[in-house]
């Protein structure tokens, strides 16, 4: 028995060590110094988006999803 290291056919609990490495890479710990990280890109994009006020719906230009056409979970 391998405990938490067992691959569980697509369920992420069995591959936590791979997600940990992905997270470290996203934060820039496994890249060369000076390379812009995924985390830095995500924050820069987040800061350029307009502030959304709760209850005011989607911002202009974002397409509305017709009722009953939400994506199905696999």
N, C-alpha and C. Protein backbone atom coordinates (compact mmCIF):
# COMPACT_ATOMS: atom_id res chain seq x y z
N UNK A 1 0.85 -1.17 0.00
CA UNK A 1 0.00 0.00 0.00
C UNK A 1 0.89 1.24 0.00
N UNK A 2 0.59 2.20 -0.88
CA UNK A 2 1.44 3.38 -1.02
C UNK A 2 0.80 4.64 -0.46
N UNK A 3 -0.34 4.53 0.16
CA UNK A 3 -0.97 5.69 0.78
C UNK A 3 -1.35 6.76 -0.23
N UNK A 4 -0.91 7.99 -0.01
CA UNK A 4 -1.28 9.10 -0.86
C UNK A 4 -0.54 9.18 -2.17
N UNK A 5 0.42 8.28 -2.42
CA UNK A 5 1.19 8.33 -3.66
C UNK A 5 0.56 7.53 -4.79
N UNK A 6 -0.51 6.81 -4.54
CA UNK A 6 -1.15 5.99 -5.56
C UNK A 6 -1.90 6.86 -6.56
N UNK A 7 -1.68 6.58 -7.87
CA UNK A 7 -2.43 7.27 -8.91
C UNK A 7 -3.87 6.77 -8.87
N UNK A 8 -4.83 7.69 -8.86
CA UNK A 8 -6.23 7.31 -8.70
C UNK A 8 -7.05 7.60 -9.95
N UNK A 9 -6.50 7.30 -11.11
CA UNK A 9 -7.22 7.39 -12.38
C UNK A 9 -7.83 8.76 -12.62
N UNK A 10 -7.04 9.81 -12.53
CA UNK A 10 -7.50 11.15 -12.83
C UNK A 10 -7.96 11.96 -11.63
N UNK A 11 -8.17 11.33 -10.48
CA UNK A 11 -8.54 12.07 -9.28
C UNK A 11 -7.25 12.67 -8.72
N UNK A 12 -7.21 13.98 -8.50
CA UNK A 12 -5.94 14.63 -8.16
C UNK A 12 -5.35 14.24 -6.81
N UNK A 13 -6.09 13.57 -5.95
CA UNK A 13 -5.54 13.22 -4.64
C UNK A 13 -4.36 12.27 -4.75
N UNK A 14 -4.34 11.41 -5.76
CA UNK A 14 -3.26 10.45 -5.90
C UNK A 14 -2.03 11.03 -6.55
N UNK A 15 -2.11 12.25 -7.07
CA UNK A 15 -0.95 12.84 -7.76
C UNK A 15 -0.58 14.17 -7.11
N UNK A 16 -0.73 14.29 -5.81
CA UNK A 16 -0.47 15.55 -5.12
C UNK A 16 0.96 16.01 -5.32
N UNK A 17 1.90 15.06 -5.42
CA UNK A 17 3.30 15.46 -5.58
C UNK A 17 3.52 16.15 -6.93
N UNK A 18 2.78 15.77 -7.95
CA UNK A 18 2.90 16.45 -9.25
C UNK A 18 2.28 17.84 -9.19
N UNK A 19 1.14 17.99 -8.49
CA UNK A 19 0.53 19.30 -8.32
C UNK A 19 1.44 20.23 -7.52
N UNK A 20 2.15 19.67 -6.55
CA UNK A 20 3.08 20.45 -5.74
C UNK A 20 4.21 21.00 -6.61
N UNK A 21 4.73 20.17 -7.50
CA UNK A 21 5.79 20.61 -8.41
C UNK A 21 5.24 21.66 -9.38
N UNK A 22 4.02 21.47 -9.89
CA UNK A 22 3.39 22.47 -10.76
C UNK A 22 3.26 23.80 -10.05
N UNK A 23 2.84 23.77 -8.79
CA UNK A 23 2.67 24.98 -7.99
C UNK A 23 4.01 25.67 -7.79
N UNK A 24 5.05 24.92 -7.47
CA UNK A 24 6.38 25.49 -7.31
C UNK A 24 6.85 26.14 -8.61
N UNK A 25 6.58 25.48 -9.73
CA UNK A 25 6.99 26.02 -11.04
C UNK A 25 6.21 27.30 -11.34
N UNK A 26 4.90 27.31 -11.04
CA UNK A 26 4.08 28.51 -11.27
C UNK A 26 4.58 29.70 -10.46
N UNK A 27 5.07 29.43 -9.26
CA UNK A 27 5.59 30.51 -8.41
C UNK A 27 7.02 30.91 -8.77
N UNK A 28 7.66 30.17 -9.67
CA UNK A 28 8.97 30.55 -10.16
C UNK A 28 10.14 29.92 -9.43
N UNK A 29 9.90 29.01 -8.52
CA UNK A 29 11.00 28.42 -7.76
C UNK A 29 11.84 27.46 -8.58
N UNK A 30 11.32 26.92 -9.68
CA UNK A 30 12.07 25.95 -10.48
C UNK A 30 12.56 26.54 -11.80
N UNK A 31 12.40 27.84 -11.99
CA UNK A 31 12.84 28.50 -13.21
C UNK A 31 14.09 29.32 -12.94
N UNK A 32 14.72 29.77 -14.02
CA UNK A 32 15.89 30.64 -13.88
C UNK A 32 15.46 32.00 -13.36
N UNK A 33 16.33 32.68 -12.59
CA UNK A 33 16.00 34.01 -12.10
C UNK A 33 15.76 34.99 -13.25
N UNK A 34 14.80 35.88 -13.08
CA UNK A 34 14.51 36.90 -14.07
C UNK A 34 13.42 36.54 -15.06
N UNK A 35 12.96 35.29 -15.06
CA UNK A 35 11.89 34.87 -15.95
C UNK A 35 10.55 35.19 -15.28
N UNK A 36 9.65 35.86 -16.03
CA UNK A 36 8.34 36.20 -15.46
C UNK A 36 7.55 34.92 -15.18
N UNK A 37 7.03 34.80 -13.99
CA UNK A 37 6.33 33.59 -13.58
C UNK A 37 4.86 33.64 -13.98
N UNK A 38 4.22 32.48 -13.96
CA UNK A 38 2.78 32.41 -14.24
C UNK A 38 2.02 33.21 -13.19
N UNK A 39 2.47 33.13 -11.94
CA UNK A 39 1.80 33.88 -10.86
C UNK A 39 1.89 35.39 -11.12
N UNK A 40 3.03 35.88 -11.57
CA UNK A 40 3.18 37.31 -11.85
C UNK A 40 2.29 37.73 -13.02
N UNK A 41 2.18 36.88 -14.04
CA UNK A 41 1.31 37.18 -15.18
C UNK A 41 -0.16 37.21 -14.75
N UNK A 42 -0.54 36.26 -13.90
CA UNK A 42 -1.92 36.21 -13.42
C UNK A 42 -2.27 37.46 -12.61
N UNK A 43 -1.36 37.89 -11.75
CA UNK A 43 -1.61 39.08 -10.93
C UNK A 43 -1.69 40.33 -11.81
N UNK A 44 -0.80 40.44 -12.80
CA UNK A 44 -0.82 41.60 -13.70
C UNK A 44 -2.14 41.66 -14.47
N UNK A 45 -2.64 40.52 -14.93
CA UNK A 45 -3.92 40.48 -15.64
C UNK A 45 -5.06 40.83 -14.70
N UNK A 46 -5.03 40.32 -13.48
CA UNK A 46 -6.07 40.59 -12.49
C UNK A 46 -6.15 42.08 -12.18
N UNK A 47 -5.00 42.73 -12.07
CA UNK A 47 -4.98 44.15 -11.73
C UNK A 47 -5.50 45.03 -12.87
N UNK A 48 -5.49 44.54 -14.11
CA UNK A 48 -5.99 45.33 -15.24
C UNK A 48 -7.50 45.19 -15.43
N UNK A 49 -8.12 44.19 -14.79
CA UNK A 49 -9.56 43.99 -14.93
C UNK A 49 -10.32 45.02 -14.09
N UNK A 50 -11.47 45.47 -14.57
CA UNK A 50 -12.25 46.42 -13.77
C UNK A 50 -12.81 45.75 -12.51
N UNK A 51 -13.02 46.54 -11.48
CA UNK A 51 -13.57 46.02 -10.24
C UNK A 51 -15.03 45.68 -10.46
N UNK A 52 -15.41 44.47 -10.07
CA UNK A 52 -16.80 44.04 -10.21
C UNK A 52 -17.53 44.26 -8.91
N UNK A 53 -18.65 44.93 -8.99
CA UNK A 53 -19.48 45.19 -7.82
C UNK A 53 -20.50 44.05 -7.71
N UNK A 54 -20.61 43.44 -6.54
CA UNK A 54 -21.58 42.34 -6.40
C UNK A 54 -22.99 42.80 -6.75
N UNK A 55 -23.68 41.96 -7.51
CA UNK A 55 -25.06 42.25 -7.85
C UNK A 55 -25.26 43.04 -9.13
N UNK A 56 -24.18 43.42 -9.81
CA UNK A 56 -24.32 44.21 -11.03
C UNK A 56 -24.12 43.39 -12.30
N UNK A 57 -24.02 42.09 -12.20
CA UNK A 57 -23.94 41.25 -13.38
C UNK A 57 -22.59 41.28 -14.06
N UNK A 58 -22.59 40.84 -15.30
CA UNK A 58 -21.35 40.76 -16.08
C UNK A 58 -20.97 42.12 -16.63
N UNK A 59 -19.65 42.34 -16.79
CA UNK A 59 -19.23 43.60 -17.41
C UNK A 59 -19.58 43.64 -18.89
N UNK A 60 -19.64 44.82 -19.50
CA UNK A 60 -19.97 44.92 -20.93
C UNK A 60 -18.96 44.15 -21.77
N UNK A 61 -19.45 43.50 -22.81
CA UNK A 61 -18.58 42.77 -23.73
C UNK A 61 -18.43 41.30 -23.39
N UNK A 62 -18.88 40.88 -22.22
CA UNK A 62 -18.80 39.47 -21.85
C UNK A 62 -20.10 38.81 -22.28
N UNK A 63 -20.02 37.79 -23.13
CA UNK A 63 -21.25 37.17 -23.62
C UNK A 63 -22.04 36.50 -22.50
N UNK A 64 -23.34 36.60 -22.60
CA UNK A 64 -24.22 35.95 -21.63
C UNK A 64 -24.41 34.50 -22.04
N UNK A 65 -24.48 33.61 -21.07
CA UNK A 65 -24.74 32.19 -21.34
C UNK A 65 -26.25 32.00 -21.32
N UNK A 66 -26.83 31.52 -22.43
CA UNK A 66 -28.28 31.31 -22.45
C UNK A 66 -28.72 30.33 -21.36
N UNK A 67 -29.90 30.54 -20.82
CA UNK A 67 -30.43 29.70 -19.75
C UNK A 67 -30.49 28.24 -20.20
N UNK A 68 -29.99 27.34 -19.38
CA UNK A 68 -30.07 25.90 -19.66
C UNK A 68 -28.96 25.39 -20.54
N UNK A 69 -27.94 26.20 -20.87
CA UNK A 69 -26.86 25.73 -21.73
C UNK A 69 -25.53 25.68 -20.98
N UNK A 70 -25.58 25.65 -19.66
CA UNK A 70 -24.34 25.58 -18.88
C UNK A 70 -23.60 24.30 -19.22
N UNK A 71 -22.27 24.33 -19.22
CA UNK A 71 -21.51 23.11 -19.51
C UNK A 71 -21.80 22.02 -18.51
N UNK A 72 -21.84 20.81 -18.97
CA UNK A 72 -22.11 19.66 -18.12
C UNK A 72 -20.80 19.18 -17.50
N UNK A 73 -20.86 18.72 -16.28
CA UNK A 73 -19.69 18.11 -15.66
C UNK A 73 -19.47 16.74 -16.26
N UNK A 74 -18.20 16.42 -16.53
CA UNK A 74 -17.94 15.09 -17.15
C UNK A 74 -18.23 13.96 -16.19
